[in-house]
Amino acid sequence: MGKRFTALRVIGTIMKVLAWIVLLLGLFGAIVILIMALTLDNQLGITSLKVGGPLAGIAAFVVILVLAIFQFLFLYALGESIYVFLSIEENSRRTAYFGQQLFSASQSAYPVPTPTPDYEE
């Protein structure tokens, strides 16, 4: 019984790899935002509004980190759920195969004679 559904296995693996990439990039981005907020104090941002500062940087760090963790968990769970469904399919197929073998083994090749009663009716 060979492996089936190769494309689903590849998709599950890609989802798990993407989950780790998202986590690492999110962690890196959160650290960069925190460092920029702590070192570039009182600078005008892209919107030309004075909304920076250490407190905003810490808040952005926490928000980006939490979002990255949630995205990681979602993508990793998606990849694992594909593997769970594939395992269920394999186990169901294996159980059906062994059940069929057991049924075939219990069937006799020759018909069993029915016993005749010793008395007359």
N, C-alpha and C. Protein backbone atom coordinates (compact mmCIF):
# COMPACT_ATOMS: atom_id res chain seq x y z
N MET A 1 0.84 -1.17 0.00
CA MET A 1 0.00 0.00 0.00
C MET A 1 0.89 1.24 0.00
N GLY A 2 1.01 1.84 -1.16
CA GLY A 2 1.88 3.00 -1.30
C GLY A 2 1.22 4.28 -0.83
N LYS A 3 2.02 5.29 -0.76
CA LYS A 3 1.52 6.61 -0.35
C LYS A 3 0.69 7.21 -1.47
N ARG A 4 -0.43 7.79 -1.09
CA ARG A 4 -1.30 8.44 -2.07
C ARG A 4 -1.37 9.92 -1.72
N PHE A 5 -1.97 10.69 -2.61
CA PHE A 5 -2.22 12.11 -2.41
C PHE A 5 -0.93 12.88 -2.16
N THR A 6 0.00 12.76 -3.08
CA THR A 6 1.29 13.43 -2.96
C THR A 6 1.13 14.94 -2.94
N ALA A 7 0.21 15.46 -3.72
CA ALA A 7 0.02 16.92 -3.77
C ALA A 7 -0.42 17.46 -2.41
N LEU A 8 -1.29 16.73 -1.72
CA LEU A 8 -1.72 17.19 -0.39
C LEU A 8 -0.58 17.14 0.61
N ARG A 9 0.28 16.15 0.49
CA ARG A 9 1.44 16.09 1.38
C ARG A 9 2.37 17.28 1.13
N VAL A 10 2.54 17.64 -0.13
CA VAL A 10 3.39 18.79 -0.46
C VAL A 10 2.76 20.07 0.07
N ILE A 11 1.45 20.22 -0.10
CA ILE A 11 0.76 21.42 0.38
C ILE A 11 0.86 21.51 1.90
N GLY A 12 0.69 20.39 2.59
CA GLY A 12 0.82 20.39 4.05
C GLY A 12 2.21 20.80 4.50
N THR A 13 3.22 20.30 3.82
CA THR A 13 4.59 20.66 4.16
C THR A 13 4.86 22.13 3.86
N ILE A 14 4.35 22.62 2.73
CA ILE A 14 4.54 24.03 2.39
C ILE A 14 3.88 24.93 3.43
N MET A 15 2.69 24.55 3.89
CA MET A 15 2.01 25.35 4.92
C MET A 15 2.83 25.40 6.21
N LYS A 16 3.43 24.28 6.58
CA LYS A 16 4.23 24.26 7.81
C LYS A 16 5.51 25.09 7.66
N VAL A 17 6.12 25.04 6.48
CA VAL A 17 7.32 25.85 6.23
C VAL A 17 6.95 27.33 6.20
N LEU A 18 5.84 27.66 5.54
CA LEU A 18 5.39 29.05 5.51
C LEU A 18 5.07 29.57 6.91
N ALA A 19 4.56 28.70 7.76
CA ALA A 19 4.27 29.11 9.13
C ALA A 19 5.54 29.55 9.84
N TRP A 20 6.61 28.79 9.68
CA TRP A 20 7.87 29.16 10.33
C TRP A 20 8.44 30.44 9.73
N ILE A 21 8.31 30.60 8.40
CA ILE A 21 8.80 31.82 7.76
C ILE A 21 8.03 33.03 8.26
N VAL A 22 6.71 32.91 8.37
CA VAL A 22 5.89 34.02 8.86
C VAL A 22 6.27 34.37 10.30
N LEU A 23 6.51 33.35 11.11
CA LEU A 23 6.90 33.62 12.51
C LEU A 23 8.24 34.34 12.58
N LEU A 24 9.21 33.89 11.81
CA LEU A 24 10.53 34.52 11.84
C LEU A 24 10.48 35.95 11.29
N LEU A 25 9.76 36.15 10.18
CA LEU A 25 9.65 37.49 9.63
C LEU A 25 8.86 38.42 10.55
N GLY A 26 7.84 37.90 11.18
CA GLY A 26 7.08 38.71 12.13
C GLY A 26 7.90 39.09 13.34
N LEU A 27 8.68 38.16 13.84
CA LEU A 27 9.56 38.45 14.97
C LEU A 27 10.63 39.47 14.58
N PHE A 28 11.21 39.29 13.39
CA PHE A 28 12.21 40.23 12.91
C PHE A 28 11.60 41.62 12.71
N GLY A 29 10.41 41.68 12.10
CA GLY A 29 9.75 42.96 11.88
C GLY A 29 9.37 43.65 13.18
N ALA A 30 8.92 42.89 14.17
CA ALA A 30 8.56 43.47 15.46
C ALA A 30 9.79 44.05 16.15
N ILE A 31 10.91 43.33 16.07
CA ILE A 31 12.14 43.83 16.70
C ILE A 31 12.63 45.09 15.99
N VAL A 32 12.54 45.11 14.65
CA VAL A 32 12.96 46.29 13.90
C VAL A 32 12.09 47.49 14.27
N ILE A 33 10.79 47.29 14.37
CA ILE A 33 9.89 48.39 14.76
C ILE A 33 10.23 48.89 16.15
N LEU A 34 10.51 47.98 17.07
CA LEU A 34 10.85 48.38 18.43
C LEU A 34 12.15 49.17 18.47
N ILE A 35 13.16 48.71 17.74
CA ILE A 35 14.44 49.41 17.72
C ILE A 35 14.28 50.79 17.08
N MET A 36 13.53 50.85 15.98
CA MET A 36 13.32 52.15 15.32
C MET A 36 12.57 53.11 16.21
N ALA A 37 11.59 52.61 16.93
CA ALA A 37 10.80 53.49 17.80
C ALA A 37 11.62 54.00 18.97
N LEU A 38 12.54 53.17 19.46
CA LEU A 38 13.35 53.59 20.61
C LEU A 38 14.51 54.49 20.20
N THR A 39 15.00 54.34 18.97
CA THR A 39 16.15 55.15 18.55
C THR A 39 15.77 56.40 17.78
N LEU A 40 14.66 56.38 17.07
CA LEU A 40 14.25 57.53 16.27
C LEU A 40 13.14 58.29 17.00
N ASP A 41 13.42 58.72 18.18
CA ASP A 41 12.43 59.43 18.99
C ASP A 41 12.16 60.81 18.41
N ASN A 42 10.91 61.21 18.45
CA ASN A 42 10.44 62.53 18.01
C ASN A 42 10.71 62.80 16.53
N GLN A 43 10.62 61.80 15.70
CA GLN A 43 10.78 61.97 14.26
C GLN A 43 9.40 61.95 13.61
N LEU A 44 9.27 62.67 12.51
CA LEU A 44 8.02 62.64 11.77
C LEU A 44 7.98 61.39 10.92
N GLY A 45 6.86 60.71 10.94
CA GLY A 45 6.73 59.47 10.19
C GLY A 45 6.37 59.72 8.74
N ILE A 46 5.94 58.70 8.07
CA ILE A 46 5.57 58.79 6.67
C ILE A 46 4.36 59.70 6.49
N THR A 47 3.46 59.68 7.45
CA THR A 47 2.24 60.48 7.35
C THR A 47 2.44 61.91 7.80
N SER A 48 3.63 62.30 8.17
CA SER A 48 3.96 63.64 8.67
C SER A 48 3.20 63.99 9.94
N LEU A 49 2.80 62.98 10.68
CA LEU A 49 2.15 63.20 11.97
C LEU A 49 3.11 62.78 13.06
N LYS A 50 3.04 63.45 14.15
CA LYS A 50 3.94 63.13 15.26
C LYS A 50 3.25 62.06 16.13
N VAL A 51 3.38 60.81 15.70
CA VAL A 51 2.73 59.71 16.41
C VAL A 51 3.75 58.68 16.89
N GLY A 52 5.01 59.02 16.87
CA GLY A 52 6.05 58.08 17.25
C GLY A 52 6.29 58.09 18.74
N GLY A 53 7.42 57.57 19.10
CA GLY A 53 7.81 57.53 20.49
C GLY A 53 7.96 56.12 21.00
N PRO A 54 8.56 56.00 22.17
CA PRO A 54 8.80 54.66 22.72
C PRO A 54 7.52 53.89 23.02
N LEU A 55 6.51 54.57 23.51
CA LEU A 55 5.27 53.87 23.86
C LEU A 55 4.57 53.33 22.61
N ALA A 56 4.54 54.11 21.55
CA ALA A 56 3.95 53.64 20.30
C ALA A 56 4.78 52.49 19.72
N GLY A 57 6.09 52.54 19.86
CA GLY A 57 6.95 51.46 19.37
C GLY A 57 6.73 50.16 20.12
N ILE A 58 6.57 50.28 21.45
CA ILE A 58 6.32 49.08 22.25
C ILE A 58 4.95 48.50 21.90
N ALA A 59 3.95 49.35 21.70
CA ALA A 59 2.62 48.89 21.33
C ALA A 59 2.65 48.20 19.96
N ALA A 60 3.36 48.80 19.00
CA ALA A 60 3.47 48.20 17.67
C ALA A 60 4.22 46.87 17.74
N PHE A 61 5.26 46.81 18.59
CA PHE A 61 6.01 45.57 18.77
C PHE A 61 5.09 44.46 19.26
N VAL A 62 4.29 44.76 20.27
CA VAL A 62 3.40 43.75 20.84
C VAL A 62 2.34 43.32 19.82
N VAL A 63 1.75 44.28 19.11
CA VAL A 63 0.71 43.96 18.13
C VAL A 63 1.28 43.10 17.00
N ILE A 64 2.42 43.48 16.47
CA ILE A 64 3.03 42.71 15.38
C ILE A 64 3.43 41.32 15.85
N LEU A 65 3.95 41.22 17.05
CA LEU A 65 4.34 39.92 17.58
C LEU A 65 3.14 39.01 17.78
N VAL A 66 2.06 39.54 18.32
CA VAL A 66 0.85 38.74 18.54
C VAL A 66 0.26 38.30 17.20
N LEU A 67 0.21 39.20 16.23
CA LEU A 67 -0.31 38.84 14.91
C LEU A 67 0.55 37.77 14.23
N ALA A 68 1.86 37.88 14.38
CA ALA A 68 2.75 36.89 13.79
C ALA A 68 2.55 35.52 14.44
N ILE A 69 2.35 35.51 15.74
CA ILE A 69 2.12 34.23 16.44
C ILE A 69 0.80 33.61 16.00
N PHE A 70 -0.26 34.42 15.87
CA PHE A 70 -1.54 33.90 15.41
C PHE A 70 -1.46 33.37 13.99
N GLN A 71 -0.75 34.09 13.11
CA GLN A 71 -0.59 33.61 11.74
C GLN A 71 0.21 32.31 11.71
N PHE A 72 1.24 32.23 12.54
CA PHE A 72 2.03 31.00 12.63
C PHE A 72 1.14 29.84 13.06
N LEU A 73 0.37 30.03 14.12
CA LEU A 73 -0.49 28.96 14.61
C LEU A 73 -1.52 28.54 13.58
N PHE A 74 -2.10 29.50 12.87
CA PHE A 74 -3.09 29.17 11.86
C PHE A 74 -2.48 28.36 10.72
N LEU A 75 -1.35 28.81 10.18
CA LEU A 75 -0.73 28.11 9.06
C LEU A 75 -0.21 26.73 9.47
N TYR A 76 0.38 26.64 10.66
CA TYR A 76 0.89 25.34 11.12
C TYR A 76 -0.26 24.37 11.37
N ALA A 77 -1.35 24.86 11.97
CA ALA A 77 -2.51 24.00 12.20
C ALA A 77 -3.13 23.55 10.88
N LEU A 78 -3.13 24.42 9.88
CA LEU A 78 -3.65 24.05 8.57
C LEU A 78 -2.81 22.93 7.96
N GLY A 79 -1.49 23.06 8.05
CA GLY A 79 -0.61 22.01 7.54
C GLY A 79 -0.78 20.70 8.29
N GLU A 80 -0.90 20.77 9.60
CA GLU A 80 -1.09 19.56 10.40
C GLU A 80 -2.45 18.92 10.14
N SER A 81 -3.48 19.74 9.91
CA SER A 81 -4.81 19.17 9.66
C SER A 81 -4.82 18.39 8.34
N ILE A 82 -4.06 18.85 7.37
CA ILE A 82 -3.96 18.09 6.12
C ILE A 82 -3.33 16.73 6.40
N TYR A 83 -2.29 16.70 7.23
CA TYR A 83 -1.65 15.43 7.58
C TYR A 83 -2.58 14.55 8.41
N VAL A 84 -3.42 15.14 9.25
CA VAL A 84 -4.37 14.34 10.02
C VAL A 84 -5.37 13.66 9.10
N PHE A 85 -5.90 14.42 8.13
CA PHE A 85 -6.85 13.82 7.19
C PHE A 85 -6.20 12.72 6.36
N LEU A 86 -4.94 12.91 5.98
CA LEU A 86 -4.24 11.88 5.24
C LEU A 86 -4.02 10.64 6.09
N SER A 87 -3.72 10.81 7.36
CA SER A 87 -3.55 9.67 8.27
C SER A 87 -4.87 8.92 8.47
N ILE A 88 -5.96 9.66 8.59
CA ILE A 88 -7.26 9.02 8.72
C ILE A 88 -7.57 8.19 7.48
N GLU A 89 -7.27 8.74 6.32
CA GLU A 89 -7.52 8.01 5.08
C GLU A 89 -6.68 6.75 5.00
N GLU A 90 -5.40 6.84 5.37
CA GLU A 90 -4.52 5.67 5.32
C GLU A 90 -4.97 4.60 6.30
N ASN A 91 -5.33 5.01 7.50
CA ASN A 91 -5.77 4.03 8.50
C ASN A 91 -7.09 3.39 8.11
N SER A 92 -8.00 4.15 7.51
CA SER A 92 -9.27 3.59 7.05
C SER A 92 -9.04 2.58 5.93
N ARG A 93 -8.16 2.93 5.01
CA ARG A 93 -7.85 2.01 3.91
C ARG A 93 -7.19 0.74 4.43
N ARG A 94 -6.27 0.88 5.40
CA ARG A 94 -5.59 -0.28 5.98
C ARG A 94 -6.58 -1.17 6.73
N THR A 95 -7.50 -0.56 7.48
CA THR A 95 -8.49 -1.33 8.22
C THR A 95 -9.41 -2.08 7.27
N ALA A 96 -9.83 -1.43 6.19
CA ALA A 96 -10.69 -2.09 5.21
C ALA A 96 -9.95 -3.25 4.55
N TYR A 97 -8.67 -3.08 4.26
CA TYR A 97 -7.89 -4.15 3.64
C TYR A 97 -7.78 -5.35 4.58
N PHE A 98 -7.45 -5.11 5.85
CA PHE A 98 -7.31 -6.22 6.78
C PHE A 98 -8.66 -6.87 7.09
N GLY A 99 -9.71 -6.07 7.11
CA GLY A 99 -11.05 -6.64 7.29
C GLY A 99 -11.44 -7.53 6.14
N GLN A 100 -11.08 -7.11 4.93
CA GLN A 100 -11.36 -7.92 3.76
C GLN A 100 -10.54 -9.21 3.78
N GLN A 101 -9.28 -9.12 4.20
CA GLN A 101 -8.45 -10.32 4.30
C GLN A 101 -9.00 -11.29 5.34
N LEU A 102 -9.45 -10.77 6.46
CA LEU A 102 -10.01 -11.61 7.52
C LEU A 102 -11.30 -12.27 7.04
N PHE A 103 -12.13 -11.53 6.34
CA PHE A 103 -13.37 -12.09 5.82
C PHE A 103 -13.08 -13.17 4.79
N SER A 104 -12.11 -12.92 3.91
CA SER A 104 -11.76 -13.91 2.89
C SER A 104 -11.19 -15.16 3.52
N ALA A 105 -10.41 -15.01 4.58
CA ALA A 105 -9.81 -16.17 5.24
C ALA A 105 -10.87 -16.98 5.98
N SER A 106 -11.91 -16.33 6.43
CA SER A 106 -12.94 -17.07 7.17
C SER A 106 -13.89 -17.81 6.25
N GLN A 107 -13.90 -17.47 4.98
CA GLN A 107 -14.76 -18.15 4.02
C GLN A 107 -14.08 -19.44 3.57
N SER A 108 -14.82 -20.50 3.59
CA SER A 108 -14.26 -21.79 3.21
C SER A 108 -14.30 -21.96 1.70
N ALA A 109 -13.33 -22.64 1.16
CA ALA A 109 -13.30 -22.90 -0.27
C ALA A 109 -14.30 -23.98 -0.65
N TYR A 110 -14.61 -24.86 0.30
CA TYR A 110 -15.56 -25.94 0.06
C TYR A 110 -16.79 -25.70 0.93
N PRO A 111 -17.95 -25.99 0.40
CA PRO A 111 -19.15 -25.79 1.22
C PRO A 111 -19.18 -26.77 2.39
N VAL A 112 -19.61 -26.28 3.49
CA VAL A 112 -19.70 -27.11 4.69
C VAL A 112 -20.99 -27.93 4.58
N PRO A 113 -20.87 -29.26 4.69
CA PRO A 113 -22.09 -30.08 4.59
C PRO A 113 -22.98 -29.84 5.80
N THR A 114 -24.24 -29.81 5.52
CA THR A 114 -25.19 -29.65 6.61
C THR A 114 -25.41 -31.02 7.25
N PRO A 115 -25.38 -31.09 8.54
CA PRO A 115 -25.55 -32.39 9.20
C PRO A 115 -26.99 -32.88 9.02
N THR A 116 -27.10 -34.15 8.79
CA THR A 116 -28.43 -34.76 8.66
C THR A 116 -28.83 -35.28 10.03
N PRO A 117 -30.07 -35.10 10.36
CA PRO A 117 -30.49 -35.59 11.68
C PRO A 117 -30.50 -37.11 11.73
N ASP A 118 -30.24 -37.66 12.90
CA ASP A 118 -30.20 -39.12 13.08
C ASP A 118 -31.59 -39.70 13.22
N TYR A 119 -32.54 -38.94 13.33
CA TYR A 119 -33.92 -39.43 13.51
C TYR A 119 -34.74 -39.02 12.29
N GLU A 120 -35.80 -39.71 12.11
CA GLU A 120 -36.68 -39.41 10.99
C GLU A 120 -37.80 -38.52 11.47
N GLU A 121 -38.21 -37.66 10.61
CA GLU A 121 -39.30 -36.75 10.98
C GLU A 121 -40.62 -37.29 10.60
